[in-house]
Amino acid sequence: MKIVAASMLVAIIILCVGACISLAEDTLVSWWRPFLISGMAAAALSQVVWRFWRWILDTDTKWVCYSFAVVGVTLFLASSWYVLNYALGDRTAVSYSRLPIERVYREKHYQTRRVSRRTYARGAPYWVYKADVRLPEEKTVGIKLTAAQYKSLQKGDTLVIAVRKGALGVPVVDPSMTQFPTLKKKKPRDRYRDSTRAYRRYRMYRDSLSHTRAGGMP
């Protein structure tokens, strides 16, 4: 039972950390504010739930169990705040801003592969494409791109960023409403025209050699 409970607890903590990392970038508030409020609430709630950690950790040292409880409850409350504010926000109250791209880049991430029942290792790499834009609130937001958008967009191009009201009053950036410029399609090359130009250059080069020889050059 302890192993099952500990495994579920670790999985919940990993999900909470992932939610905080993914939504903090799109939430227009300093990251430390939700964590400060969540930490203060966790300090009070952990007075009750620390005993659960004593059963998981199999130790009677109160400060160790209390510390684990504070960290776990803080992550749970902060991630819940981010998810509720983002998911339950008003999707009709949207404002758009035309902003220039400051940087287009890609990041190498790695998949996770399972080695054994309890062991995971780093798997095959893959690329994540992004473009950074700076909002009027002086917050830099990374917008995810497709591979085609990454190849087409460059610094200075304009994106239309959608900002909507969150459920808890904090505005969020909605990447699903981001408007991208039309991708520039490359015109297919005219092979006949290219071959004609190459032949003309060759004739001009041959004629110049013949004129040079006629003038007495070796």
N, C-alpha and C. Protein backbone atom coordinates (compact mmCIF):
# COMPACT_ATOMS: atom_id res chain seq x y z
N MET A 1 0.82 -1.21 0.00
CA MET A 1 0.00 0.00 0.00
C MET A 1 0.85 1.26 0.00
N LYS A 2 1.96 1.21 0.74
CA LYS A 2 2.84 2.38 0.77
C LYS A 2 3.47 2.62 -0.59
N ILE A 3 3.86 1.54 -1.27
CA ILE A 3 4.47 1.69 -2.59
C ILE A 3 3.47 2.26 -3.58
N VAL A 4 2.24 1.77 -3.53
CA VAL A 4 1.21 2.27 -4.45
C VAL A 4 0.91 3.74 -4.16
N ALA A 5 0.77 4.08 -2.87
CA ALA A 5 0.47 5.46 -2.49
C ALA A 5 1.62 6.39 -2.87
N ALA A 6 2.85 5.94 -2.65
CA ALA A 6 4.02 6.77 -3.00
C ALA A 6 4.11 6.97 -4.51
N SER A 7 3.82 5.93 -5.29
CA SER A 7 3.87 6.05 -6.74
C SER A 7 2.82 7.03 -7.24
N MET A 8 1.61 6.94 -6.69
CA MET A 8 0.56 7.88 -7.09
C MET A 8 0.92 9.30 -6.70
N LEU A 9 1.53 9.45 -5.54
CA LEU A 9 1.91 10.78 -5.07
C LEU A 9 2.99 11.40 -5.96
N VAL A 10 3.97 10.60 -6.35
CA VAL A 10 5.02 11.09 -7.25
C VAL A 10 4.43 11.47 -8.60
N ALA A 11 3.50 10.67 -9.10
CA ALA A 11 2.86 10.98 -10.39
C ALA A 11 2.08 12.29 -10.32
N ILE A 12 1.39 12.51 -9.20
CA ILE A 12 0.62 13.75 -9.03
C ILE A 12 1.56 14.95 -8.98
N ILE A 13 2.68 14.80 -8.26
CA ILE A 13 3.64 15.91 -8.15
C ILE A 13 4.24 16.24 -9.52
N ILE A 14 4.55 15.20 -10.31
CA ILE A 14 5.10 15.43 -11.65
C ILE A 14 4.09 16.17 -12.53
N LEU A 15 2.81 15.78 -12.44
CA LEU A 15 1.78 16.47 -13.21
C LEU A 15 1.63 17.92 -12.76
N CYS A 16 1.72 18.16 -11.46
CA CYS A 16 1.62 19.53 -10.95
C CYS A 16 2.77 20.40 -11.44
N VAL A 17 3.97 19.85 -11.42
CA VAL A 17 5.14 20.59 -11.91
C VAL A 17 5.00 20.89 -13.39
N GLY A 18 4.55 19.90 -14.17
CA GLY A 18 4.36 20.12 -15.60
C GLY A 18 3.31 21.18 -15.90
N ALA A 19 2.22 21.18 -15.13
CA ALA A 19 1.17 22.19 -15.33
C ALA A 19 1.69 23.59 -15.00
N CYS A 20 2.46 23.70 -13.93
CA CYS A 20 3.01 25.02 -13.56
C CYS A 20 3.97 25.54 -14.62
N ILE A 21 4.82 24.67 -15.13
CA ILE A 21 5.81 25.10 -16.12
C ILE A 21 5.14 25.50 -17.43
N SER A 22 4.15 24.72 -17.88
CA SER A 22 3.53 25.00 -19.17
C SER A 22 2.60 26.21 -19.14
N LEU A 23 1.92 26.45 -18.01
CA LEU A 23 0.95 27.53 -17.94
C LEU A 23 1.53 28.83 -17.39
N ALA A 24 2.62 28.75 -16.66
CA ALA A 24 3.20 29.98 -16.10
C ALA A 24 3.68 30.92 -17.20
N GLU A 25 4.14 30.36 -18.32
CA GLU A 25 4.64 31.20 -19.41
C GLU A 25 3.50 31.97 -20.09
N ASP A 26 2.30 31.37 -20.12
CA ASP A 26 1.17 32.01 -20.79
C ASP A 26 0.29 32.82 -19.84
N THR A 27 0.60 32.84 -18.55
CA THR A 27 -0.18 33.59 -17.58
C THR A 27 0.53 34.90 -17.27
N LEU A 28 -0.16 36.00 -17.44
CA LEU A 28 0.47 37.32 -17.32
C LEU A 28 0.53 37.78 -15.87
N VAL A 29 1.30 37.06 -15.08
CA VAL A 29 1.57 37.41 -13.69
C VAL A 29 2.93 36.83 -13.33
N SER A 30 3.64 37.47 -12.44
CA SER A 30 4.94 36.96 -12.00
C SER A 30 4.75 35.61 -11.31
N TRP A 31 5.61 34.66 -11.63
CA TRP A 31 5.43 33.28 -11.16
C TRP A 31 5.47 33.17 -9.64
N TRP A 32 6.19 34.07 -8.98
CA TRP A 32 6.36 33.93 -7.54
C TRP A 32 5.10 34.29 -6.77
N ARG A 33 4.19 35.03 -7.35
CA ARG A 33 2.98 35.43 -6.62
C ARG A 33 2.05 34.24 -6.35
N PRO A 34 1.70 33.43 -7.37
CA PRO A 34 0.88 32.25 -7.05
C PRO A 34 1.58 31.29 -6.08
N PHE A 35 2.91 31.16 -6.22
CA PHE A 35 3.62 30.25 -5.33
C PHE A 35 3.70 30.81 -3.91
N LEU A 36 3.79 32.13 -3.77
CA LEU A 36 3.82 32.73 -2.44
C LEU A 36 2.50 32.51 -1.71
N ILE A 37 1.39 32.76 -2.41
CA ILE A 37 0.08 32.55 -1.80
C ILE A 37 -0.15 31.07 -1.51
N SER A 38 0.23 30.21 -2.45
CA SER A 38 0.06 28.76 -2.25
C SER A 38 0.93 28.26 -1.10
N GLY A 39 2.14 28.81 -0.98
CA GLY A 39 3.01 28.40 0.11
C GLY A 39 2.47 28.80 1.47
N MET A 40 1.87 29.98 1.56
CA MET A 40 1.29 30.41 2.83
C MET A 40 0.10 29.52 3.22
N ALA A 41 -0.73 29.17 2.22
CA ALA A 41 -1.84 28.27 2.51
C ALA A 41 -1.35 26.87 2.84
N ALA A 42 -0.28 26.43 2.15
CA ALA A 42 0.26 25.09 2.41
C ALA A 42 0.87 24.99 3.80
N ALA A 43 1.46 26.08 4.27
CA ALA A 43 2.04 26.06 5.62
C ALA A 43 0.97 25.80 6.67
N ALA A 44 -0.23 26.31 6.44
CA ALA A 44 -1.33 26.08 7.39
C ALA A 44 -1.93 24.69 7.21
N LEU A 45 -2.15 24.27 5.96
CA LEU A 45 -2.75 22.96 5.72
C LEU A 45 -1.84 21.81 6.11
N SER A 46 -0.54 22.03 6.02
CA SER A 46 0.41 20.95 6.32
C SER A 46 0.42 20.60 7.80
N GLN A 47 -0.14 21.45 8.64
CA GLN A 47 -0.27 21.10 10.06
C GLN A 47 -1.16 19.89 10.25
N VAL A 48 -2.01 19.63 9.24
CA VAL A 48 -2.92 18.49 9.32
C VAL A 48 -2.43 17.30 8.52
N VAL A 49 -1.93 17.57 7.30
CA VAL A 49 -1.61 16.47 6.37
C VAL A 49 -0.19 15.92 6.56
N TRP A 50 0.60 16.48 7.44
CA TRP A 50 1.98 16.00 7.57
C TRP A 50 2.02 14.57 8.08
N ARG A 51 0.98 14.14 8.78
CA ARG A 51 0.94 12.77 9.29
C ARG A 51 0.85 11.75 8.17
N PHE A 52 0.23 12.15 7.07
CA PHE A 52 0.20 11.25 5.91
C PHE A 52 1.61 11.01 5.40
N TRP A 53 2.44 12.02 5.39
CA TRP A 53 3.83 11.87 4.95
C TRP A 53 4.63 11.02 5.94
N ARG A 54 4.26 11.07 7.21
CA ARG A 54 4.94 10.21 8.19
C ARG A 54 4.71 8.74 7.86
N TRP A 55 3.50 8.42 7.38
CA TRP A 55 3.20 7.05 6.99
C TRP A 55 3.94 6.67 5.70
N ILE A 56 4.03 7.62 4.74
CA ILE A 56 4.72 7.35 3.48
C ILE A 56 6.22 7.20 3.69
N LEU A 57 6.81 8.14 4.43
CA LEU A 57 8.27 8.15 4.62
C LEU A 57 8.73 7.20 5.71
N ASP A 58 7.79 6.69 6.51
CA ASP A 58 8.12 5.76 7.59
C ASP A 58 9.13 6.37 8.57
N THR A 59 8.83 7.59 9.01
CA THR A 59 9.69 8.28 9.98
C THR A 59 8.81 9.13 10.89
N ASP A 60 9.25 9.32 12.13
CA ASP A 60 8.53 10.13 13.10
C ASP A 60 9.12 11.53 13.24
N THR A 61 10.10 11.88 12.41
CA THR A 61 10.69 13.21 12.46
C THR A 61 9.71 14.21 11.85
N LYS A 62 9.15 15.06 12.70
CA LYS A 62 8.06 15.92 12.27
C LYS A 62 8.51 16.94 11.23
N TRP A 63 9.71 17.55 11.41
CA TRP A 63 10.10 18.61 10.48
C TRP A 63 10.35 18.07 9.08
N VAL A 64 10.81 16.80 8.99
CA VAL A 64 11.00 16.20 7.66
C VAL A 64 9.65 15.99 6.98
N CYS A 65 8.71 15.40 7.71
CA CYS A 65 7.38 15.16 7.14
C CYS A 65 6.67 16.48 6.82
N TYR A 66 6.83 17.46 7.70
CA TYR A 66 6.19 18.75 7.48
C TYR A 66 6.76 19.45 6.25
N SER A 67 8.08 19.36 6.04
CA SER A 67 8.71 19.99 4.88
C SER A 67 8.21 19.36 3.58
N PHE A 68 8.14 18.03 3.54
CA PHE A 68 7.62 17.36 2.35
C PHE A 68 6.16 17.74 2.11
N ALA A 69 5.40 17.86 3.19
CA ALA A 69 3.99 18.21 3.05
C ALA A 69 3.83 19.62 2.50
N VAL A 70 4.64 20.56 2.97
CA VAL A 70 4.55 21.94 2.49
C VAL A 70 4.87 22.01 1.00
N VAL A 71 5.93 21.33 0.58
CA VAL A 71 6.31 21.35 -0.85
C VAL A 71 5.22 20.73 -1.71
N GLY A 72 4.72 19.57 -1.29
CA GLY A 72 3.69 18.90 -2.08
C GLY A 72 2.40 19.69 -2.17
N VAL A 73 1.93 20.23 -1.05
CA VAL A 73 0.69 21.00 -1.05
C VAL A 73 0.87 22.31 -1.84
N THR A 74 2.03 22.94 -1.74
CA THR A 74 2.29 24.17 -2.50
C THR A 74 2.20 23.91 -4.00
N LEU A 75 2.83 22.84 -4.48
CA LEU A 75 2.77 22.51 -5.90
C LEU A 75 1.34 22.20 -6.34
N PHE A 76 0.60 21.49 -5.49
CA PHE A 76 -0.78 21.15 -5.85
C PHE A 76 -1.66 22.40 -5.92
N LEU A 77 -1.53 23.29 -4.96
CA LEU A 77 -2.35 24.51 -4.96
C LEU A 77 -1.97 25.44 -6.11
N ALA A 78 -0.66 25.59 -6.36
CA ALA A 78 -0.22 26.48 -7.44
C ALA A 78 -0.67 25.96 -8.80
N SER A 79 -0.51 24.67 -9.03
CA SER A 79 -0.94 24.11 -10.32
C SER A 79 -2.45 24.20 -10.47
N SER A 80 -3.20 23.99 -9.38
CA SER A 80 -4.67 24.12 -9.44
C SER A 80 -5.06 25.56 -9.79
N TRP A 81 -4.34 26.52 -9.24
CA TRP A 81 -4.63 27.92 -9.55
C TRP A 81 -4.39 28.22 -11.02
N TYR A 82 -3.26 27.75 -11.55
CA TYR A 82 -2.96 27.99 -12.96
C TYR A 82 -3.99 27.34 -13.87
N VAL A 83 -4.35 26.08 -13.57
CA VAL A 83 -5.28 25.35 -14.43
C VAL A 83 -6.67 25.98 -14.40
N LEU A 84 -7.16 26.33 -13.21
CA LEU A 84 -8.49 26.93 -13.10
C LEU A 84 -8.54 28.29 -13.79
N ASN A 85 -7.52 29.10 -13.59
CA ASN A 85 -7.50 30.43 -14.20
C ASN A 85 -7.45 30.34 -15.73
N TYR A 86 -6.72 29.37 -16.26
CA TYR A 86 -6.56 29.25 -17.71
C TYR A 86 -7.76 28.54 -18.35
N ALA A 87 -8.19 27.43 -17.77
CA ALA A 87 -9.20 26.59 -18.43
C ALA A 87 -10.61 27.16 -18.32
N LEU A 88 -10.92 27.84 -17.23
CA LEU A 88 -12.29 28.32 -17.01
C LEU A 88 -12.45 29.81 -17.32
N GLY A 89 -11.49 30.40 -18.02
CA GLY A 89 -11.56 31.81 -18.35
C GLY A 89 -12.59 32.11 -19.43
N ASP A 90 -12.90 33.37 -19.57
CA ASP A 90 -13.87 33.82 -20.58
C ASP A 90 -13.19 33.87 -21.95
N ARG A 91 -13.63 32.98 -22.84
CA ARG A 91 -13.02 32.91 -24.17
C ARG A 91 -13.63 33.90 -25.16
N THR A 92 -14.61 34.67 -24.71
CA THR A 92 -15.21 35.68 -25.58
C THR A 92 -14.58 37.06 -25.37
N ALA A 93 -14.05 37.29 -24.19
CA ALA A 93 -13.40 38.58 -23.89
C ALA A 93 -11.93 38.50 -24.29
N VAL A 94 -11.68 38.71 -25.58
CA VAL A 94 -10.33 38.54 -26.14
C VAL A 94 -9.88 39.86 -26.75
N SER A 95 -8.65 40.23 -26.48
CA SER A 95 -8.04 41.40 -27.13
C SER A 95 -6.82 40.92 -27.91
N TYR A 96 -6.57 41.57 -29.05
CA TYR A 96 -5.48 41.16 -29.93
C TYR A 96 -4.43 42.26 -30.00
N SER A 97 -3.17 41.84 -30.06
CA SER A 97 -2.05 42.78 -30.17
C SER A 97 -1.12 42.31 -31.27
N ARG A 98 -0.74 43.23 -32.15
CA ARG A 98 0.22 42.93 -33.21
C ARG A 98 1.62 43.21 -32.67
N LEU A 99 2.41 42.16 -32.54
CA LEU A 99 3.72 42.26 -31.91
C LEU A 99 4.79 41.66 -32.82
N PRO A 100 5.98 42.29 -32.87
CA PRO A 100 7.06 41.73 -33.69
C PRO A 100 7.75 40.57 -32.98
N ILE A 101 8.25 39.67 -33.77
CA ILE A 101 9.00 38.53 -33.24
C ILE A 101 10.40 38.98 -32.84
N GLU A 102 10.79 38.65 -31.62
CA GLU A 102 12.13 39.00 -31.16
C GLU A 102 13.15 37.91 -31.43
N ARG A 103 12.68 36.65 -31.46
CA ARG A 103 13.63 35.55 -31.66
C ARG A 103 12.88 34.33 -32.15
N VAL A 104 13.45 33.64 -33.14
CA VAL A 104 12.93 32.37 -33.61
C VAL A 104 14.00 31.32 -33.33
N TYR A 105 13.61 30.26 -32.63
CA TYR A 105 14.62 29.28 -32.21
C TYR A 105 13.96 27.91 -32.04
N ARG A 106 14.78 26.95 -31.75
CA ARG A 106 14.29 25.60 -31.49
C ARG A 106 14.99 25.03 -30.28
N GLU A 107 14.31 24.12 -29.58
CA GLU A 107 14.85 23.48 -28.39
C GLU A 107 14.82 21.98 -28.57
N LYS A 108 15.88 21.34 -28.13
CA LYS A 108 15.94 19.87 -28.22
C LYS A 108 15.37 19.27 -26.94
N HIS A 109 14.33 18.48 -27.08
CA HIS A 109 13.75 17.75 -25.98
C HIS A 109 13.96 16.25 -26.20
N TYR A 110 13.71 15.51 -25.15
CA TYR A 110 13.92 14.06 -25.22
C TYR A 110 12.67 13.33 -24.74
N GLN A 111 12.34 12.27 -25.45
CA GLN A 111 11.26 11.42 -25.01
C GLN A 111 11.70 10.57 -23.83
N THR A 112 10.73 10.04 -23.11
CA THR A 112 11.02 9.17 -21.96
C THR A 112 10.66 7.74 -22.33
N ARG A 113 11.59 6.85 -22.15
CA ARG A 113 11.32 5.44 -22.44
C ARG A 113 11.43 4.62 -21.15
N ARG A 114 10.60 3.62 -21.08
CA ARG A 114 10.54 2.77 -19.89
C ARG A 114 11.54 1.63 -20.02
N VAL A 115 12.44 1.53 -19.05
CA VAL A 115 13.44 0.47 -19.05
C VAL A 115 12.94 -0.75 -18.31
N SER A 116 12.40 -0.52 -17.13
CA SER A 116 11.83 -1.60 -16.33
C SER A 116 10.58 -1.08 -15.65
N ARG A 117 10.09 -1.82 -14.70
CA ARG A 117 8.82 -1.46 -14.05
C ARG A 117 8.91 -0.13 -13.33
N ARG A 118 10.06 0.17 -12.73
CA ARG A 118 10.21 1.39 -11.94
C ARG A 118 11.31 2.31 -12.47
N THR A 119 11.89 1.96 -13.60
CA THR A 119 13.02 2.73 -14.11
C THR A 119 12.68 3.31 -15.48
N TYR A 120 12.97 4.59 -15.63
CA TYR A 120 12.77 5.30 -16.89
C TYR A 120 14.08 5.94 -17.32
N ALA A 121 14.29 6.03 -18.61
CA ALA A 121 15.53 6.61 -19.15
C ALA A 121 15.18 7.58 -20.26
N ARG A 122 16.17 8.37 -20.63
CA ARG A 122 15.97 9.33 -21.71
C ARG A 122 15.93 8.63 -23.05
N GLY A 123 14.93 8.99 -23.84
CA GLY A 123 14.75 8.33 -25.13
C GLY A 123 15.23 9.17 -26.29
N ALA A 124 14.58 9.02 -27.42
CA ALA A 124 14.99 9.68 -28.66
C ALA A 124 14.74 11.19 -28.57
N PRO A 125 15.61 11.99 -29.17
CA PRO A 125 15.42 13.46 -29.13
C PRO A 125 14.39 13.92 -30.17
N TYR A 126 13.81 15.07 -29.91
CA TYR A 126 12.92 15.71 -30.87
C TYR A 126 13.01 17.22 -30.66
N TRP A 127 12.62 17.98 -31.68
CA TRP A 127 12.76 19.43 -31.66
C TRP A 127 11.42 20.09 -31.38
N VAL A 128 11.47 21.15 -30.57
CA VAL A 128 10.31 22.01 -30.32
C VAL A 128 10.65 23.40 -30.84
N TYR A 129 9.80 23.93 -31.73
CA TYR A 129 10.06 25.21 -32.39
C TYR A 129 9.26 26.31 -31.70
N LYS A 130 9.90 27.47 -31.48
CA LYS A 130 9.26 28.57 -30.76
C LYS A 130 9.65 29.92 -31.36
N ALA A 131 8.82 30.91 -31.05
CA ALA A 131 9.09 32.31 -31.40
C ALA A 131 8.78 33.16 -30.18
N ASP A 132 9.71 34.00 -29.77
CA ASP A 132 9.53 34.87 -28.61
C ASP A 132 8.97 36.22 -29.03
N VAL A 133 7.93 36.67 -28.32
CA VAL A 133 7.38 38.01 -28.50
C VAL A 133 7.27 38.66 -27.13
N ARG A 134 7.42 39.98 -27.09
CA ARG A 134 7.34 40.71 -25.83
C ARG A 134 6.03 41.49 -25.77
N LEU A 135 5.24 41.19 -24.74
CA LEU A 135 3.95 41.83 -24.56
C LEU A 135 4.12 43.23 -23.97
N PRO A 136 3.09 44.08 -24.06
CA PRO A 136 3.18 45.41 -23.44
C PRO A 136 3.44 45.37 -21.95
N GLU A 137 3.10 44.25 -21.29
CA GLU A 137 3.37 44.11 -19.86
C GLU A 137 4.83 43.76 -19.58
N GLU A 138 5.69 43.84 -20.61
CA GLU A 138 7.12 43.53 -20.49
C GLU A 138 7.35 42.06 -20.13
N LYS A 139 6.45 41.21 -20.54
CA LYS A 139 6.60 39.77 -20.32
C LYS A 139 6.85 39.10 -21.66
N THR A 140 7.88 38.29 -21.72
CA THR A 140 8.22 37.58 -22.94
C THR A 140 7.50 36.24 -22.97
N VAL A 141 6.82 35.96 -24.08
CA VAL A 141 6.04 34.75 -24.23
C VAL A 141 6.59 33.96 -25.41
N GLY A 142 6.76 32.66 -25.20
CA GLY A 142 7.21 31.79 -26.27
C GLY A 142 6.03 31.12 -26.96
N ILE A 143 5.86 31.38 -28.24
CA ILE A 143 4.76 30.81 -29.03
C ILE A 143 5.29 29.59 -29.78
N LYS A 144 4.61 28.46 -29.62
CA LYS A 144 5.04 27.25 -30.31
C LYS A 144 4.74 27.34 -31.80
N LEU A 145 5.67 26.84 -32.60
CA LEU A 145 5.55 26.87 -34.06
C LEU A 145 5.60 25.46 -34.62
N THR A 146 5.09 25.34 -35.82
CA THR A 146 5.29 24.11 -36.57
C THR A 146 6.65 24.20 -37.29
N ALA A 147 7.07 23.08 -37.86
CA ALA A 147 8.35 23.08 -38.58
C ALA A 147 8.29 24.02 -39.78
N ALA A 148 7.14 24.06 -40.48
CA ALA A 148 7.01 24.95 -41.63
C ALA A 148 7.05 26.41 -41.21
N GLN A 149 6.39 26.75 -40.09
CA GLN A 149 6.41 28.13 -39.59
C GLN A 149 7.81 28.52 -39.14
N TYR A 150 8.52 27.59 -38.53
CA TYR A 150 9.89 27.87 -38.09
C TYR A 150 10.80 28.21 -39.27
N LYS A 151 10.62 27.54 -40.39
CA LYS A 151 11.44 27.79 -41.57
C LYS A 151 11.04 29.10 -42.26
N SER A 152 9.76 29.48 -42.14
CA SER A 152 9.27 30.65 -42.87
C SER A 152 9.43 31.94 -42.08
N LEU A 153 9.18 31.91 -40.76
CA LEU A 153 9.21 33.12 -39.95
C LEU A 153 10.63 33.51 -39.60
N GLN A 154 10.83 34.79 -39.33
CA GLN A 154 12.13 35.30 -38.92
C GLN A 154 11.92 36.50 -38.01
N LYS A 155 13.02 36.95 -37.42
CA LYS A 155 12.96 38.08 -36.50
C LYS A 155 12.44 39.33 -37.22
N GLY A 156 11.47 40.01 -36.57
CA GLY A 156 10.87 41.19 -37.16
C GLY A 156 9.51 40.95 -37.77
N ASP A 157 9.17 39.69 -38.08
CA ASP A 157 7.83 39.40 -38.58
C ASP A 157 6.80 39.65 -37.47
N THR A 158 5.56 39.88 -37.86
CA THR A 158 4.52 40.26 -36.91
C THR A 158 3.59 39.10 -36.63
N LEU A 159 3.30 38.88 -35.35
CA LEU A 159 2.29 37.91 -34.92
C LEU A 159 1.16 38.66 -34.23
N VAL A 160 -0.05 38.15 -34.38
CA VAL A 160 -1.21 38.72 -33.69
C VAL A 160 -1.50 37.82 -32.48
N ILE A 161 -1.19 38.33 -31.29
CA ILE A 161 -1.31 37.56 -30.06
C ILE A 161 -2.67 37.83 -29.41
N ALA A 162 -3.34 36.74 -29.00
CA ALA A 162 -4.65 36.85 -28.36
C ALA A 162 -4.48 36.76 -26.84
N VAL A 163 -5.01 37.73 -26.13
CA VAL A 163 -4.99 37.76 -24.66
C VAL A 163 -6.44 37.78 -24.18
N ARG A 164 -6.81 36.82 -23.33
CA ARG A 164 -8.17 36.76 -22.81
C ARG A 164 -8.16 36.77 -21.28
N LYS A 165 -9.31 37.02 -20.71
CA LYS A 165 -9.44 37.13 -19.27
C LYS A 165 -9.49 35.75 -18.63
N GLY A 166 -8.70 35.57 -17.56
CA GLY A 166 -8.70 34.30 -16.84
C GLY A 166 -9.85 34.23 -15.84
N ALA A 167 -10.15 33.01 -15.39
CA ALA A 167 -11.27 32.81 -14.47
C ALA A 167 -11.02 33.46 -13.13
N LEU A 168 -9.77 33.59 -12.71
CA LEU A 168 -9.43 34.20 -11.42
C LEU A 168 -8.98 35.64 -11.57
N GLY A 169 -9.26 36.23 -12.73
CA GLY A 169 -8.98 37.65 -12.93
C GLY A 169 -7.63 37.96 -13.53
N VAL A 170 -6.78 36.97 -13.76
CA VAL A 170 -5.45 37.20 -14.33
C VAL A 170 -5.50 36.88 -15.82
N PRO A 171 -5.14 37.81 -16.70
CA PRO A 171 -5.19 37.55 -18.14
C PRO A 171 -4.17 36.50 -18.56
N VAL A 172 -4.53 35.78 -19.61
CA VAL A 172 -3.66 34.72 -20.13
C VAL A 172 -3.54 34.87 -21.64
N VAL A 173 -2.44 34.38 -22.17
CA VAL A 173 -2.23 34.32 -23.61
C VAL A 173 -2.77 32.99 -24.11
N ASP A 174 -3.60 33.04 -25.15
CA ASP A 174 -4.19 31.82 -25.72
C ASP A 174 -3.48 31.50 -27.03
N PRO A 175 -2.55 30.53 -27.02
CA PRO A 175 -1.81 30.20 -28.25
C PRO A 175 -2.72 29.69 -29.37
N SER A 176 -3.87 29.08 -29.01
CA SER A 176 -4.76 28.55 -30.05
C SER A 176 -5.39 29.66 -30.89
N MET A 177 -5.41 30.90 -30.39
CA MET A 177 -5.97 32.02 -31.13
C MET A 177 -4.92 32.90 -31.78
N THR A 178 -3.66 32.51 -31.70
CA THR A 178 -2.59 33.29 -32.31
C THR A 178 -2.73 33.28 -33.83
N GLN A 179 -2.60 34.45 -34.43
CA GLN A 179 -2.70 34.57 -35.89
C GLN A 179 -1.30 34.76 -36.47
N PHE A 180 -0.94 33.86 -37.39
CA PHE A 180 0.37 33.87 -38.01
C PHE A 180 0.27 34.48 -39.40
N PRO A 181 1.34 35.10 -39.87
CA PRO A 181 1.34 35.61 -41.25
C PRO A 181 1.30 34.46 -42.25
N THR A 182 0.84 34.76 -43.43
CA THR A 182 0.74 33.74 -44.47
C THR A 182 2.13 33.23 -44.84
N LEU A 183 2.27 31.92 -44.85
CA LEU A 183 3.55 31.34 -45.19
C LEU A 183 3.92 31.66 -46.62
N LYS A 184 5.17 32.03 -46.81
CA LYS A 184 5.64 32.37 -48.15
C LYS A 184 5.99 31.11 -48.91
N LYS A 185 5.29 30.89 -50.01
CA LYS A 185 5.55 29.72 -50.82
C LYS A 185 6.61 30.04 -51.88
N LYS A 186 7.57 29.18 -51.95
CA LYS A 186 8.62 29.36 -52.94
C LYS A 186 8.11 28.96 -54.32
N LYS A 187 8.39 29.78 -55.31
CA LYS A 187 7.98 29.48 -56.67
C LYS A 187 8.80 28.32 -57.22
N PRO A 188 8.15 27.42 -57.91
CA PRO A 188 8.91 26.30 -58.50
C PRO A 188 9.89 26.80 -59.56
N ARG A 189 11.04 26.21 -59.59
CA ARG A 189 12.06 26.64 -60.53
C ARG A 189 11.71 26.18 -61.95
N ASP A 190 11.95 27.07 -62.90
CA ASP A 190 11.74 26.77 -64.32
C ASP A 190 13.04 26.17 -64.85
N ARG A 191 13.05 24.86 -64.98
CA ARG A 191 14.28 24.18 -65.42
C ARG A 191 14.67 24.56 -66.84
N TYR A 192 13.66 24.77 -67.71
CA TYR A 192 13.99 25.15 -69.09
C TYR A 192 14.65 26.52 -69.12
N ARG A 193 14.12 27.47 -68.32
CA ARG A 193 14.71 28.80 -68.29
C ARG A 193 16.12 28.76 -67.69
N ASP A 194 16.31 27.93 -66.65
CA ASP A 194 17.63 27.83 -66.05
C ASP A 194 18.64 27.24 -67.03
N SER A 195 18.23 26.22 -67.79
CA SER A 195 19.14 25.60 -68.75
C SER A 195 19.46 26.57 -69.89
N THR A 196 18.47 27.39 -70.31
CA THR A 196 18.70 28.38 -71.37
C THR A 196 19.70 29.43 -70.92
N ARG A 197 19.56 29.90 -69.68
CA ARG A 197 20.50 30.88 -69.16
C ARG A 197 21.91 30.31 -69.07
N ALA A 198 22.01 29.07 -68.62
CA ALA A 198 23.33 28.46 -68.53
C ALA A 198 23.97 28.32 -69.91
N TYR A 199 23.16 27.97 -70.92
CA TYR A 199 23.70 27.83 -72.27
C TYR A 199 24.15 29.18 -72.80
N ARG A 200 23.41 30.26 -72.52
CA ARG A 200 23.80 31.60 -72.97
C ARG A 200 25.11 32.02 -72.32
N ARG A 201 25.26 31.74 -71.04
CA ARG A 201 26.53 32.08 -70.38
C ARG A 201 27.69 31.32 -71.00
N TYR A 202 27.44 30.05 -71.33
CA TYR A 202 28.50 29.26 -71.96
C TYR A 202 28.88 29.83 -73.32
N ARG A 203 27.89 30.27 -74.12
CA ARG A 203 28.20 30.85 -75.44
C ARG A 203 28.96 32.16 -75.30
N MET A 204 28.57 32.99 -74.32
CA MET A 204 29.28 34.24 -74.10
C MET A 204 30.73 33.97 -73.69
N TYR A 205 30.93 32.97 -72.84
CA TYR A 205 32.29 32.63 -72.43
C TYR A 205 33.09 32.10 -73.61
N ARG A 206 32.49 31.28 -74.48
CA ARG A 206 33.19 30.74 -75.64
C ARG A 206 33.53 31.84 -76.64
N ASP A 207 32.61 32.79 -76.85
CA ASP A 207 32.86 33.89 -77.77
C ASP A 207 33.98 34.78 -77.26
N SER A 208 34.03 35.00 -75.92
CA SER A 208 35.09 35.84 -75.38
C SER A 208 36.45 35.17 -75.57
N LEU A 209 36.51 33.85 -75.45
CA LEU A 209 37.77 33.15 -75.68
C LEU A 209 38.19 33.26 -77.14
N SER A 210 37.25 33.15 -78.06
CA SER A 210 37.60 33.22 -79.48
C SER A 210 38.10 34.61 -79.83
N HIS A 211 37.48 35.69 -79.27
CA HIS A 211 37.94 37.08 -79.54
C HIS A 211 39.34 37.29 -78.95
N THR A 212 39.59 36.70 -77.82
CA THR A 212 40.91 36.85 -77.19
C THR A 212 41.99 36.19 -78.05
N ARG A 213 41.74 35.03 -78.56
CA ARG A 213 42.71 34.33 -79.39
C ARG A 213 42.91 35.08 -80.70
N ALA A 214 41.85 35.65 -81.24
CA ALA A 214 41.97 36.39 -82.51
C ALA A 214 42.82 37.65 -82.32
N GLY A 215 42.89 38.18 -81.13
CA GLY A 215 43.69 39.38 -80.86
C GLY A 215 45.16 39.08 -80.63
N GLY A 216 45.57 37.82 -80.74
CA GLY A 216 46.98 37.48 -80.61
C GLY A 216 47.38 36.94 -79.25
N MET A 217 46.44 36.69 -78.38
CA MET A 217 46.77 36.13 -77.09
C MET A 217 47.01 34.63 -77.25
N PRO A 218 47.90 34.05 -76.49
CA PRO A 218 48.16 32.61 -76.62
C PRO A 218 46.96 31.78 -76.15
